[in-house]
Amino acid sequence: MTRPDSIRMFEKLFLASIALGIVNMIISFGDTQATLADDPATAQLGSGFAIFIGLFVLGVNLLFWFFIARKASNIAKWILVVFTVLGLVMLPGTLATLSGFALILSLLVTALQLAAIVFLFKQDAKEWFAGKRRPKREHDTDVRMR
């Protein structure tokens, strides 16, 4: 089944948000380490913990991308929506710990993720998640033998 335009747009925006998130993680790694070191509950975890969390989040996001954009998983779509809403609720507290370029990147990552999710609710995406075939576009050719 051909992936609809909305799913392809979701994919581009979501992968862009992941890439920007990686850049943000690298740029703000020193600040993350300092924050962990300042809190007695996390001081002994060290930088390995921050790296693990970053890689874990990256892995989860790539799984969401794969199951939504490639496997048409409606369950993955809704789990991503729930996680995104929870992230929005926690966003003010997260932003309060950031400054400068990391703050701007975090806002851009959030905006890209929200824009990507909007495309999951377009009509062609709804039909794709439901397993319905999209109608052929005018420039598609019929390759079946007559």
C-alpha atoms as a PDB file:
ATOM      1  CA  MET A   1       0.000   0.000   0.000  1.00  0.00           C
ATOM      2  CA  THR A   2       1.298   3.425  -0.910  1.00  0.00           C
ATOM      3  CA  ARG A   3       1.948   5.671   2.040  1.00  0.00           C
ATOM      4  CA  PRO A   4      -0.214   8.790   1.907  1.00  0.00           C
ATOM      5  CA  ASP A   5       1.214  12.293   1.708  1.00  0.00           C
ATOM      6  CA  SER A   6       0.282  13.018   5.333  1.00  0.00           C
ATOM      7  CA  ILE A   7       2.267  10.030   6.576  1.00  0.00           C
ATOM      8  CA  ARG A   8       5.277  11.052   4.495  1.00  0.00           C
ATOM      9  CA  MET A   9       5.032  14.566   5.944  1.00  0.00           C
ATOM     10  CA  PHE A  10       4.733  13.127   9.471  1.00  0.00           C
ATOM     11  CA  GLU A  11       7.871  11.129   8.783  1.00  0.00           C
ATOM     12  CA  LYS A  12       9.877  14.148   7.602  1.00  0.00           C
ATOM     13  CA  LEU A  13       8.830  16.342  10.522  1.00  0.00           C
ATOM     14  CA  PHE A  14       9.228  13.628  13.149  1.00  0.00           C
ATOM     15  CA  LEU A  15      12.668  12.581  11.901  1.00  0.00           C
ATOM     16  CA  ALA A  16      13.679  16.261  11.827  1.00  0.00           C
ATOM     17  CA  SER A  17      12.569  16.580  15.457  1.00  0.00           C
ATOM     18  CA  ILE A  18      14.656  13.524  16.367  1.00  0.00           C
ATOM     19  CA  ALA A  19      17.727  14.911  14.590  1.00  0.00           C
ATOM     20  CA  LEU A  20      17.316  18.289  16.263  1.00  0.00           C
ATOM     21  CA  GLY A  21      16.815  16.536  19.598  1.00  0.00           C
ATOM     22  CA  ILE A  22      20.141  14.740  19.153  1.00  0.00           C
ATOM     23  CA  VAL A  23      21.853  18.051  18.424  1.00  0.00           C
ATOM     24  CA  ASN A  24      20.215  19.546  21.506  1.00  0.00           C
ATOM     25  CA  MET A  25      21.279  16.597  23.649  1.00  0.00           C
ATOM     26  CA  ILE A  26      24.898  16.995  22.517  1.00  0.00           C
ATOM     27  CA  ILE A  27      24.908  20.763  23.038  1.00  0.00           C
ATOM     28  CA  SER A  28      23.292  20.605  26.474  1.00  0.00           C
ATOM     29  CA  PHE A  29      25.189  17.527  27.712  1.00  0.00           C
ATOM     30  CA  GLY A  30      27.399  19.582  30.049  1.00  0.00           C
ATOM     31  CA  ASP A  31      24.369  21.270  31.589  1.00  0.00           C
ATOM     32  CA  THR A  32      22.672  17.902  32.001  1.00  0.00           C
ATOM     33  CA  GLN A  33      25.717  16.517  33.806  1.00  0.00           C
ATOM     34  CA  ALA A  34      25.826  19.567  36.083  1.00  0.00           C
ATOM     35  CA  THR A  35      22.136  19.201  36.907  1.00  0.00           C
ATOM     36  CA  LEU A  36      22.604  15.518  37.756  1.00  0.00           C
ATOM     37  CA  ALA A  37      25.662  16.313  39.893  1.00  0.00           C
ATOM     38  CA  ASP A  38      23.829  19.048  41.826  1.00  0.00           C
ATOM     39  CA  ASP A  39      20.996  16.746  42.902  1.00  0.00           C
ATOM     40  CA  PRO A  40      22.007  14.363  45.704  1.00  0.00           C
ATOM     41  CA  ALA A  41      19.558  11.760  44.401  1.00  0.00           C
ATOM     42  CA  THR A  42      21.272  11.615  40.996  1.00  0.00           C
ATOM     43  CA  ALA A  43      24.813  12.765  41.785  1.00  0.00           C
ATOM     44  CA  GLN A  44      26.214   9.238  41.866  1.00  0.00           C
ATOM     45  CA  LEU A  45      24.668   8.172  38.561  1.00  0.00           C
ATOM     46  CA  GLY A  46      27.295   9.977  36.508  1.00  0.00           C
ATOM     47  CA  SER A  47      27.408  10.842  32.826  1.00  0.00           C
ATOM     48  CA  GLY A  48      26.687   7.264  31.794  1.00  0.00           C
ATOM     49  CA  PHE A  49      23.155   7.681  33.075  1.00  0.00           C
ATOM     50  CA  ALA A  50      22.590  10.787  30.940  1.00  0.00           C
ATOM     51  CA  ILE A  51      23.933   8.980  27.884  1.00  0.00           C
ATOM     52  CA  PHE A  52      21.731   5.958  28.597  1.00  0.00           C
ATOM     53  CA  ILE A  53      18.611   8.112  28.942  1.00  0.00           C
ATOM     54  CA  GLY A  54      19.417   9.977  25.720  1.00  0.00           C
ATOM     55  CA  LEU A  55      19.941   6.737  23.792  1.00  0.00           C
ATOM     56  CA  PHE A  56      16.806   5.221  25.312  1.00  0.00           C
ATOM     57  CA  VAL A  57      14.693   8.215  24.259  1.00  0.00           C
ATOM     58  CA  LEU A  58      16.249   8.084  20.781  1.00  0.00           C
ATOM     59  CA  GLY A  59      15.422   4.372  20.519  1.00  0.00           C
ATOM     60  CA  VAL A  60      11.826   4.873  21.632  1.00  0.00           C
ATOM     61  CA  ASN A  61      11.355   7.721  19.148  1.00  0.00           C
ATOM     62  CA  LEU A  62      12.777   5.604  16.315  1.00  0.00           C
ATOM     63  CA  LEU A  63      10.379   2.808  17.255  1.00  0.00           C
ATOM     64  CA  PHE A  64       7.471   5.254  17.123  1.00  0.00           C
ATOM     65  CA  TRP A  65       8.638   6.436  13.701  1.00  0.00           C
ATOM     66  CA  PHE A  66       8.948   2.883  12.403  1.00  0.00           C
ATOM     67  CA  PHE A  67       5.617   1.605  13.679  1.00  0.00           C
ATOM     68  CA  ILE A  68       3.684   4.719  12.678  1.00  0.00           C
ATOM     69  CA  ALA A  69       5.290   5.678   9.361  1.00  0.00           C
ATOM     70  CA  ARG A  70       6.135   2.205   8.081  1.00  0.00           C
ATOM     71  CA  LYS A  71       3.714  -0.223   9.736  1.00  0.00           C
ATOM     72  CA  ALA A  72       0.579   1.946  10.066  1.00  0.00           C
ATOM     73  CA  SER A  73       0.206   1.142  13.757  1.00  0.00           C
ATOM     74  CA  ASN A  74      -2.751   3.013  15.174  1.00  0.00           C
ATOM     75  CA  ILE A  75      -1.716   1.872  18.663  1.00  0.00           C
ATOM     76  CA  ALA A  76       1.739   3.453  18.274  1.00  0.00           C
ATOM     77  CA  LYS A  77       0.080   6.634  16.989  1.00  0.00           C
ATOM     78  CA  TRP A  78      -2.057   6.966  20.098  1.00  0.00           C
ATOM     79  CA  ILE A  79       0.786   6.111  22.476  1.00  0.00           C
ATOM     80  CA  LEU A  80       2.845   8.854  20.811  1.00  0.00           C
ATOM     81  CA  VAL A  81      -0.058  11.281  21.203  1.00  0.00           C
ATOM     82  CA  VAL A  82      -0.368  10.447  24.922  1.00  0.00           C
ATOM     83  CA  PHE A  83       3.392  10.827  25.469  1.00  0.00           C
ATOM     84  CA  THR A  84       3.339  14.126  23.608  1.00  0.00           C
ATOM     85  CA  VAL A  85       0.500  15.465  25.764  1.00  0.00           C
ATOM     86  CA  LEU A  86       2.394  14.393  28.898  1.00  0.00           C
ATOM     87  CA  GLY A  87       5.491  16.124  27.515  1.00  0.00           C
ATOM     88  CA  LEU A  88       3.494  19.305  26.958  1.00  0.00           C
ATOM     89  CA  VAL A  89       2.272  19.208  30.558  1.00  0.00           C
ATOM     90  CA  MET A  90       5.875  18.886  31.760  1.00  0.00           C
ATOM     91  CA  LEU A  91       7.225  21.429  29.232  1.00  0.00           C
ATOM     92  CA  PRO A  92       7.147  24.528  31.490  1.00  0.00           C
ATOM     93  CA  GLY A  93       9.260  22.766  34.134  1.00  0.00           C
ATOM     94  CA  THR A  94      11.675  21.496  31.517  1.00  0.00           C
ATOM     95  CA  LEU A  95      12.037  24.887  29.872  1.00  0.00           C
ATOM     96  CA  ALA A  96      12.713  26.485  33.257  1.00  0.00           C
ATOM     97  CA  THR A  97      15.934  24.462  33.506  1.00  0.00           C
ATOM     98  CA  LEU A  98      17.173  25.520  30.055  1.00  0.00           C
ATOM     99  CA  SER A  99      18.626  28.690  28.668  1.00  0.00           C
ATOM    100  CA  GLY A 100      20.007  30.081  25.448  1.00  0.00           C
ATOM    101  CA  PHE A 101      20.373  27.848  22.442  1.00  0.00           C
ATOM    102  CA  ALA A 102      19.195  24.714  24.288  1.00  0.00           C
ATOM    103  CA  LEU A 103      15.920  26.468  25.111  1.00  0.00           C
ATOM    104  CA  ILE A 104      15.386  27.475  21.482  1.00  0.00           C
ATOM    105  CA  LEU A 105      16.213  23.975  20.239  1.00  0.00           C
ATOM    106  CA  SER A 106      13.826  22.415  22.750  1.00  0.00           C
ATOM    107  CA  LEU A 107      11.026  24.669  21.574  1.00  0.00           C
ATOM    108  CA  LEU A 108      11.794  23.808  17.934  1.00  0.00           C
ATOM    109  CA  VAL A 109      11.822  20.069  18.701  1.00  0.00           C
ATOM    110  CA  THR A 110       8.447  20.410  20.425  1.00  0.00           C
ATOM    111  CA  ALA A 111       6.999  22.425  17.521  1.00  0.00           C
ATOM    112  CA  LEU A 112       8.218  19.851  14.976  1.00  0.00           C
ATOM    113  CA  GLN A 113       6.731  17.001  17.003  1.00  0.00           C
ATOM    114  CA  LEU A 114       3.385  18.768  17.304  1.00  0.00           C
ATOM    115  CA  ALA A 115       3.334  19.566  13.594  1.00  0.00           C
ATOM    116  CA  ALA A 116       4.178  15.942  12.799  1.00  0.00           C
ATOM    117  CA  ILE A 117       1.343  14.648  14.967  1.00  0.00           C
ATOM    118  CA  VAL A 118      -1.173  16.946  13.267  1.00  0.00           C
ATOM    119  CA  PHE A 119      -0.508  15.072  10.011  1.00  0.00           C
ATOM    120  CA  LEU A 120      -1.517  11.784  11.665  1.00  0.00           C
ATOM    121  CA  PHE A 121      -5.087  13.073  11.871  1.00  0.00           C
ATOM    122  CA  LYS A 122      -5.512  14.123   8.229  1.00  0.00           C
ATOM    123  CA  GLN A 123      -8.093  12.169   6.249  1.00  0.00           C
ATOM    124  CA  ASP A 124      -5.589  10.264   4.101  1.00  0.00           C
ATOM    125  CA  ALA A 125      -3.673   9.205   7.224  1.00  0.00           C
ATOM    126  CA  LYS A 126      -6.881   8.069   8.947  1.00  0.00           C
ATOM    127  CA  GLU A 127      -7.713   5.902   5.943  1.00  0.00           C
ATOM    128  CA  TRP A 128      -4.190   4.491   5.878  1.00  0.00           C
ATOM    129  CA  PHE A 129      -4.318   3.569   9.584  1.00  0.00           C
ATOM    130  CA  ALA A 130      -7.692   1.937   8.946  1.00  0.00           C
ATOM    131  CA  GLY A 131      -6.085  -0.213   6.239  1.00  0.00           C
ATOM    132  CA  LYS A 132      -7.953   1.339   3.341  1.00  0.00           C
ATOM    133  CA  ARG A 133      -6.138   1.860   0.063  1.00  0.00           C
ATOM    134  CA  ARG A 134      -5.671   5.383  -1.150  1.00  0.00           C
ATOM    135  CA  PRO A 135      -7.158   6.247  -4.496  1.00  0.00           C
ATOM    136  CA  LYS A 136      -4.581   6.440  -7.250  1.00  0.00           C
ATOM    137  CA  ARG A 137      -3.348   9.887  -8.172  1.00  0.00           C
ATOM    138  CA  GLU A 138      -3.703  11.050 -11.759  1.00  0.00           C
ATOM    139  CA  HIS A 139       0.002  10.646 -12.523  1.00  0.00           C
ATOM    140  CA  ASP A 140       0.107   7.062 -11.194  1.00  0.00           C
ATOM    141  CA  THR A 141       0.077   4.520 -13.975  1.00  0.00           C
ATOM    142  CA  ASP A 142      -1.740   1.271 -14.043  1.00  0.00           C
ATOM    143  CA  VAL A 143       0.869  -1.402 -14.644  1.00  0.00           C
ATOM    144  CA  ARG A 144      -1.518  -4.338 -14.752  1.00  0.00           C
ATOM    145  CA  MET A 145      -1.786  -6.259 -17.977  1.00  0.00           C
ATOM    146  CA  ARG A 146      -5.174  -5.893 -19.640  1.00  0.00           C
END
